[in-house]
């Protein structure tokens, strides 16, 4: 990810977090827009994409505990 975003905003921290996310979350995101989600939940108009530091940390923890969890 490019550390300099739109209008020169520094995205260094965000880029680093994304790099961590792609190592432990398929595609680096949990958003239903990026991959197929559970159909029943999508019909309820629920959004699973949090894009939050804790989702990456939780995924890292799961991957460290469960082999092949990715």
PDB file of N, CA and C in Angstrom:
ATOM      1  N   UNK A   1       0.854  -1.186   0.000  1.00  0.00           N
ATOM      2  CA  UNK A   1       0.000   0.000   0.000  1.00  0.00           C
ATOM      3  C   UNK A   1       0.891   1.238   0.000  1.00  0.00           C
ATOM      4  N   UNK A   2       0.477   2.223  -0.757  1.00  0.00           N
ATOM      5  CA  UNK A   2       1.223   3.476  -0.848  1.00  0.00           C
ATOM      6  C   UNK A   2       1.049   4.280   0.440  1.00  0.00           C
ATOM      7  N   UNK A   3       2.143   4.652   1.132  1.00  0.00           N
ATOM      8  CA  UNK A   3       2.018   5.398   2.387  1.00  0.00           C
ATOM      9  C   UNK A   3       1.515   6.830   2.227  1.00  0.00           C
ATOM     10  N   UNK A   4       1.527   7.362   1.016  1.00  0.00           N
ATOM     11  CA  UNK A   4       0.982   8.708   0.786  1.00  0.00           C
ATOM     12  C   UNK A   4      -0.324   8.572   0.028  1.00  0.00           C
ATOM     13  N   UNK A   5      -1.406   8.883   0.679  1.00  0.00           N
ATOM     14  CA  UNK A   5      -2.723   8.736   0.071  1.00  0.00           C
ATOM     15  C   UNK A   5      -3.203   9.996  -0.612  1.00  0.00           C
ATOM     16  N   UNK A   6      -4.460  10.030  -0.891  1.00  0.00           N
ATOM     17  CA  UNK A   6      -5.122  11.155  -1.536  1.00  0.00           C
ATOM     18  C   UNK A   6      -4.885  12.434  -0.739  1.00  0.00           C
ATOM     19  N   UNK A   7      -4.564  13.502  -1.427  1.00  0.00           N
ATOM     20  CA  UNK A   7      -4.318  14.819  -0.813  1.00  0.00           C
ATOM     21  C   UNK A   7      -3.122  14.827   0.128  1.00  0.00           C
ATOM     22  N   UNK A   8      -2.184  13.913  -0.065  1.00  0.00           N
ATOM     23  CA  UNK A   8      -0.961  13.911   0.728  1.00  0.00           C
ATOM     24  C   UNK A   8      -1.114  13.440   2.159  1.00  0.00           C
ATOM     25  N   UNK A   9      -2.224  12.799   2.480  1.00  0.00           N
ATOM     26  CA  UNK A   9      -2.443  12.291   3.841  1.00  0.00           C
ATOM     27  C   UNK A   9      -1.476  11.146   4.100  1.00  0.00           C
ATOM     28  N   UNK A  10      -0.801  11.162   5.235  1.00  0.00           N
ATOM     29  CA  UNK A  10       0.161  10.124   5.593  1.00  0.00           C
ATOM     30  C   UNK A  10      -0.577   8.870   6.024  1.00  0.00           C
ATOM     31  N   UNK A  11      -0.421   7.821   5.243  1.00  0.00           N
ATOM     32  CA  UNK A  11      -1.087   6.547   5.525  1.00  0.00           C
ATOM     33  C   UNK A  11      -0.090   5.476   5.963  1.00  0.00           C
ATOM     34  N   UNK A  12       1.049   5.889   6.482  1.00  0.00           N
ATOM     35  CA  UNK A  12       2.096   4.953   6.868  1.00  0.00           C
ATOM     36  C   UNK A  12       1.586   3.910   7.855  1.00  0.00           C
ATOM     37  N   UNK A  13       0.894   4.340   8.890  1.00  0.00           N
ATOM     38  CA  UNK A  13       0.387   3.401   9.891  1.00  0.00           C
ATOM     39  C   UNK A  13      -0.661   2.476   9.283  1.00  0.00           C
ATOM     40  N   UNK A  14      -1.537   3.029   8.463  1.00  0.00           N
ATOM     41  CA  UNK A  14      -2.557   2.230   7.802  1.00  0.00           C
ATOM     42  C   UNK A  14      -1.927   1.198   6.868  1.00  0.00           C
ATOM     43  N   UNK A  15      -0.902   1.601   6.131  1.00  0.00           N
ATOM     44  CA  UNK A  15      -0.212   0.693   5.218  1.00  0.00           C
ATOM     45  C   UNK A  15       0.451  -0.444   5.982  1.00  0.00           C
ATOM     46  N   UNK A  16       1.052  -0.136   7.108  1.00  0.00           N
ATOM     47  CA  UNK A  16       1.692  -1.168   7.929  1.00  0.00           C
ATOM     48  C   UNK A  16       0.652  -2.145   8.468  1.00  0.00           C
ATOM     49  N   UNK A  17      -0.496  -1.637   8.883  1.00  0.00           N
ATOM     50  CA  UNK A  17      -1.554  -2.485   9.393  1.00  0.00           C
ATOM     51  C   UNK A  17      -2.092  -3.387   8.279  1.00  0.00           C
ATOM     52  N   UNK A  18      -2.241  -2.827   7.074  1.00  0.00           N
ATOM     53  CA  UNK A  18      -2.696  -3.632   5.941  1.00  0.00           C
ATOM     54  C   UNK A  18      -1.690  -4.736   5.628  1.00  0.00           C
ATOM     55  N   UNK A  19      -0.405  -4.429   5.673  1.00  0.00           N
ATOM     56  CA  UNK A  19       0.625  -5.449   5.444  1.00  0.00           C
ATOM     57  C   UNK A  19       0.504  -6.577   6.459  1.00  0.00           C
ATOM     58  N   UNK A  20       0.222  -6.235   7.699  1.00  0.00           N
ATOM     59  CA  UNK A  20       0.009  -7.263   8.731  1.00  0.00           C
ATOM     60  C   UNK A  20      -1.254  -8.062   8.430  1.00  0.00           C
ATOM     61  N   UNK A  21      -2.301  -7.364   7.995  1.00  0.00           N
ATOM     62  CA  UNK A  21      -3.590  -8.012   7.740  1.00  0.00           C
ATOM     63  C   UNK A  21      -3.495  -9.039   6.616  1.00  0.00           C
ATOM     64  N   UNK A  22      -2.769  -8.713   5.541  1.00  0.00           N
ATOM     65  CA  UNK A  22      -2.704  -9.664   4.434  1.00  0.00           C
ATOM     66  C   UNK A  22      -1.967 -10.946   4.814  1.00  0.00           C
ATOM     67  N   UNK A  23      -1.207 -10.906   5.895  1.00  0.00           N
ATOM     68  CA  UNK A  23      -0.509 -12.105   6.354  1.00  0.00           C
ATOM     69  C   UNK A  23      -1.432 -13.036   7.141  1.00  0.00           C
ATOM     70  N   UNK A  24      -2.542 -12.517   7.663  1.00  0.00           N
ATOM     71  CA  UNK A  24      -3.396 -13.337   8.530  1.00  0.00           C
ATOM     72  C   UNK A  24      -4.870 -13.352   8.146  1.00  0.00           C
ATOM     73  N   UNK A  25      -5.301 -12.489   7.219  1.00  0.00           N
ATOM     74  CA  UNK A  25      -6.700 -12.433   6.793  1.00  0.00           C
ATOM     75  C   UNK A  25      -6.719 -12.611   5.284  1.00  0.00           C
ATOM     76  N   UNK A  26      -7.517 -13.541   4.792  1.00  0.00           N
ATOM     77  CA  UNK A  26      -7.596 -13.786   3.349  1.00  0.00           C
ATOM     78  C   UNK A  26      -7.942 -12.491   2.630  1.00  0.00           C
ATOM     79  N   UNK A  27      -7.087 -12.076   1.730  1.00  0.00           N
ATOM     80  CA  UNK A  27      -7.293 -10.837   0.992  1.00  0.00           C
ATOM     81  C   UNK A  27      -6.981  -9.591   1.785  1.00  0.00           C
ATOM     82  N   UNK A  28      -6.656  -9.731   3.059  1.00  0.00           N
ATOM     83  CA  UNK A  28      -6.292  -8.592   3.898  1.00  0.00           C
ATOM     84  C   UNK A  28      -7.458  -7.799   4.437  1.00  0.00           C
ATOM     85  N   UNK A  29      -8.678  -8.191   4.078  1.00  0.00           N
ATOM     86  CA  UNK A  29      -9.864  -7.471   4.531  1.00  0.00           C
ATOM     87  C   UNK A  29     -10.961  -8.458   4.915  1.00  0.00           C
ATOM     88  N   UNK A  30     -11.881  -8.004   5.745  1.00  0.00           N
ATOM     89  CA  UNK A  30     -13.023  -8.831   6.114  1.00  0.00           C
ATOM     90  C   UNK A  30     -14.310  -8.302   5.511  1.00  0.00           C
ATOM     91  N   UNK A  31     -14.205  -7.310   4.669  1.00  0.00           N
ATOM     92  CA  UNK A  31     -15.375  -6.686   4.066  1.00  0.00           C
ATOM     93  C   UNK A  31     -16.083  -7.631   3.108  1.00  0.00           C
ATOM     94  N   UNK A  32     -17.394  -7.681   3.210  1.00  0.00           N
ATOM     95  CA  UNK A  32     -18.191  -8.513   2.318  1.00  0.00           C
ATOM     96  C   UNK A  32     -18.122  -8.013   0.877  1.00  0.00           C
ATOM     97  N   UNK A  33     -17.739  -6.769   0.668  1.00  0.00           N
ATOM     98  CA  UNK A  33     -17.632  -6.217  -0.685  1.00  0.00           C
ATOM     99  C   UNK A  33     -16.479  -6.841  -1.455  1.00  0.00           C
ATOM    100  N   UNK A  34     -15.470  -7.283  -0.740  1.00  0.00           N
ATOM    101  CA  UNK A  34     -14.277  -7.806  -1.400  1.00  0.00           C
ATOM    102  C   UNK A  34     -14.345  -9.305  -1.674  1.00  0.00           C
ATOM    103  N   UNK A  35     -15.201 -10.021  -0.991  1.00  0.00           N
ATOM    104  CA  UNK A  35     -15.296 -11.460  -1.192  1.00  0.00           C
ATOM    105  C   UNK A  35     -16.690 -11.940  -0.859  1.00  0.00           C
ATOM    106  N   UNK A  36     -16.986 -13.132  -1.262  1.00  0.00           N
ATOM    107  CA  UNK A  36     -18.317 -13.672  -1.040  1.00  0.00           C
ATOM    108  C   UNK A  36     -18.551 -13.865   0.452  1.00  0.00           C
ATOM    109  N   UNK A  37     -19.693 -13.402   0.955  1.00  0.00           N
ATOM    110  CA  UNK A  37     -20.052 -13.575   2.372  1.00  0.00           C
ATOM    111  C   UNK A  37     -21.198 -14.563   2.491  1.00  0.00           C
ATOM    112  N   UNK A  38     -21.595 -14.839   3.706  1.00  0.00           N
ATOM    113  CA  UNK A  38     -22.681 -15.770   3.948  1.00  0.00           C
ATOM    114  C   UNK A  38     -23.967 -15.138   3.426  1.00  0.00           C
ATOM    115  N   UNK A  39     -24.645 -15.819   2.495  1.00  0.00           N
ATOM    116  CA  UNK A  39     -25.810 -15.269   1.807  1.00  0.00           C
ATOM    117  C   UNK A  39     -26.916 -14.840   2.777  1.00  0.00           C
ATOM    118  N   UNK A  40     -27.213 -15.628   3.775  1.00  0.00           N
ATOM    119  CA  UNK A  40     -28.294 -15.288   4.718  1.00  0.00           C
ATOM    120  C   UNK A  40     -28.002 -13.975   5.441  1.00  0.00           C
ATOM    121  N   UNK A  41     -26.762 -13.744   5.785  1.00  0.00           N
ATOM    122  CA  UNK A  41     -26.392 -12.518   6.477  1.00  0.00           C
ATOM    123  C   UNK A  41     -26.433 -11.317   5.533  1.00  0.00           C
ATOM    124  N   UNK A  42     -26.008 -11.521   4.295  1.00  0.00           N
ATOM    125  CA  UNK A  42     -26.050 -10.428   3.330  1.00  0.00           C
ATOM    126  C   UNK A  42     -27.479  -9.984   3.053  1.00  0.00           C
ATOM    127  N   UNK A  43     -28.391 -10.949   3.031  1.00  0.00           N
ATOM    128  CA  UNK A  43     -29.799 -10.609   2.814  1.00  0.00           C
ATOM    129  C   UNK A  43     -30.355  -9.752   3.948  1.00  0.00           C
ATOM    130  N   UNK A  44     -29.723  -9.794   5.090  1.00  0.00           N
ATOM    131  CA  UNK A  44     -30.136  -8.971   6.239  1.00  0.00           C
ATOM    132  C   UNK A  44     -29.470  -7.602   6.210  1.00  0.00           C
ATOM    133  N   UNK A  45     -28.664  -7.334   5.199  1.00  0.00           N
ATOM    134  CA  UNK A  45     -27.970  -6.056   5.011  1.00  0.00           C
ATOM    135  C   UNK A  45     -26.968  -5.754   6.117  1.00  0.00           C
ATOM    136  N   UNK A  46     -26.337  -6.777   6.638  1.00  0.00           N
ATOM    137  CA  UNK A  46     -25.306  -6.582   7.644  1.00  0.00           C
ATOM    138  C   UNK A  46     -23.960  -6.414   6.960  1.00  0.00           C
ATOM    139  N   UNK A  47     -23.128  -5.560   7.505  1.00  0.00           N
ATOM    140  CA  UNK A  47     -21.801  -5.308   6.965  1.00  0.00           C
ATOM    141  C   UNK A  47     -20.773  -5.903   7.903  1.00  0.00           C
ATOM    142  N   UNK A  48     -19.892  -6.727   7.344  1.00  0.00           N
ATOM    143  CA  UNK A  48     -18.874  -7.378   8.160  1.00  0.00           C
ATOM    144  C   UNK A  48     -17.533  -6.673   8.119  1.00  0.00           C
ATOM    145  N   UNK A  49     -17.376  -5.674   7.300  1.00  0.00           N
ATOM    146  CA  UNK A  49     -16.086  -5.010   7.134  1.00  0.00           C
ATOM    147  C   UNK A  49     -15.832  -3.967   8.202  1.00  0.00           C
ATOM    148  N   UNK A  50     -15.040  -4.332   9.186  1.00  0.00           N
ATOM    149  CA  UNK A  50     -14.761  -3.413  10.279  1.00  0.00           C
ATOM    150  C   UNK A  50     -13.565  -2.506   9.966  1.00  0.00           C
ATOM    151  N   UNK A  51     -12.535  -3.065   9.339  1.00  0.00           N
ATOM    152  CA  UNK A  51     -11.352  -2.283   9.038  1.00  0.00           C
ATOM    153  C   UNK A  51     -10.704  -1.680  10.273  1.00  0.00           C
ATOM    154  N   UNK A  52     -10.649  -2.437  11.328  1.00  0.00           N
ATOM    155  CA  UNK A  52     -10.176  -1.948  12.619  1.00  0.00           C
ATOM    156  C   UNK A  52      -8.936  -2.713  13.053  1.00  0.00           C
ATOM    157  N   UNK A  53      -8.066  -2.039  13.763  1.00  0.00           N
ATOM    158  CA  UNK A  53      -6.839  -2.646  14.267  1.00  0.00           C
ATOM    159  C   UNK A  53      -7.102  -3.947  15.034  1.00  0.00           C
ATOM    160  N   UNK A  54      -8.174  -3.992  15.821  1.00  0.00           N
ATOM    161  CA  UNK A  54      -8.447  -5.182  16.629  1.00  0.00           C
ATOM    162  C   UNK A  54      -8.780  -6.410  15.791  1.00  0.00           C
ATOM    163  N   UNK A  55      -9.369  -6.235  14.603  1.00  0.00           N
ATOM    164  CA  UNK A  55      -9.658  -7.397  13.772  1.00  0.00           C
ATOM    165  C   UNK A  55      -8.352  -8.022  13.284  1.00  0.00           C
ATOM    166  N   UNK A  56      -7.351  -7.195  12.992  1.00  0.00           N
ATOM    167  CA  UNK A  56      -6.052  -7.718  12.574  1.00  0.00           C
ATOM    168  C   UNK A  56      -5.382  -8.422  13.749  1.00  0.00           C
ATOM    169  N   UNK A  57      -5.423  -7.803  14.911  1.00  0.00           N
ATOM    170  CA  UNK A  57      -4.807  -8.407  16.094  1.00  0.00           C
ATOM    171  C   UNK A  57      -5.490  -9.722  16.457  1.00  0.00           C
ATOM    172  N   UNK A  58      -6.806  -9.782  16.335  1.00  0.00           N
ATOM    173  CA  UNK A  58      -7.540 -11.023  16.622  1.00  0.00           C
ATOM    174  C   UNK A  58      -7.160 -12.106  15.619  1.00  0.00           C
ATOM    175  N   UNK A  59      -7.064 -11.738  14.341  1.00  0.00           N
ATOM    176  CA  UNK A  59      -6.681 -12.707  13.315  1.00  0.00           C
ATOM    177  C   UNK A  59      -5.260 -13.205  13.543  1.00  0.00           C
ATOM    178  N   UNK A  60      -4.350 -12.302  13.913  1.00  0.00           N
ATOM    179  CA  UNK A  60      -2.972 -12.711  14.207  1.00  0.00           C
ATOM    180  C   UNK A  60      -2.937 -13.704  15.362  1.00  0.00           C
ATOM    181  N   UNK A  61      -3.745 -13.446  16.385  1.00  0.00           N
ATOM    182  CA  UNK A  61      -3.804 -14.350  17.530  1.00  0.00           C
ATOM    183  C   UNK A  61      -4.333 -15.718  17.114  1.00  0.00           C
ATOM    184  N   UNK A  62      -5.411 -15.745  16.339  1.00  0.00           N
ATOM    185  CA  UNK A  62      -5.969 -17.025  15.880  1.00  0.00           C
ATOM    186  C   UNK A  62      -4.981 -17.810  15.032  1.00  0.00           C
ATOM    187  N   UNK A  63      -4.285 -17.128  14.133  1.00  0.00           N
ATOM    188  CA  UNK A  63      -3.317 -17.796  13.281  1.00  0.00           C
ATOM    189  C   UNK A  63      -2.165 -18.349  14.113  1.00  0.00           C
ATOM    190  N   UNK A  64      -1.793 -17.644  15.169  1.00  0.00           N
ATOM    191  CA  UNK A  64      -0.694 -18.140  16.017  1.00  0.00           C
ATOM    192  C   UNK A  64      -1.123 -19.358  16.834  1.00  0.00           C
ATOM    193  N   UNK A  65      -2.426 -19.497  17.082  1.00  0.00           N
ATOM    194  CA  UNK A  65      -2.938 -20.601  17.895  1.00  0.00           C
ATOM    195  C   UNK A  65      -3.340 -21.797  17.034  1.00  0.00           C
ATOM    196  N   UNK A  66      -3.983 -21.538  15.900  1.00  0.00           N
ATOM    197  CA  UNK A  66      -4.532 -22.596  15.054  1.00  0.00           C
ATOM    198  C   UNK A  66      -3.711 -22.692  13.766  1.00  0.00           C
ATOM    199  N   UNK A  67      -2.982 -23.794  13.595  1.00  0.00           N
ATOM    200  CA  UNK A  67      -2.225 -23.963  12.366  1.00  0.00           C
ATOM    201  C   UNK A  67      -3.153 -23.919  11.154  1.00  0.00           C
ATOM    202  N   UNK A  68      -2.710 -23.288  10.087  1.00  0.00           N
ATOM    203  CA  UNK A  68      -3.467 -23.193   8.837  1.00  0.00           C
ATOM    204  C   UNK A  68      -4.795 -22.467   8.990  1.00  0.00           C
ATOM    205  N   UNK A  69      -4.913 -21.573   9.956  1.00  0.00           N
ATOM    206  CA  UNK A  69      -6.159 -20.829  10.179  1.00  0.00           C
ATOM    207  C   UNK A  69      -6.403 -19.791   9.106  1.00  0.00           C
ATOM    208  N   UNK A  70      -5.370 -19.406   8.386  1.00  0.00           N
ATOM    209  CA  UNK A  70      -5.524 -18.373   7.362  1.00  0.00           C
ATOM    210  C   UNK A  70      -6.552 -18.813   6.350  1.00  0.00           C
TER     211      UNK A  70
END
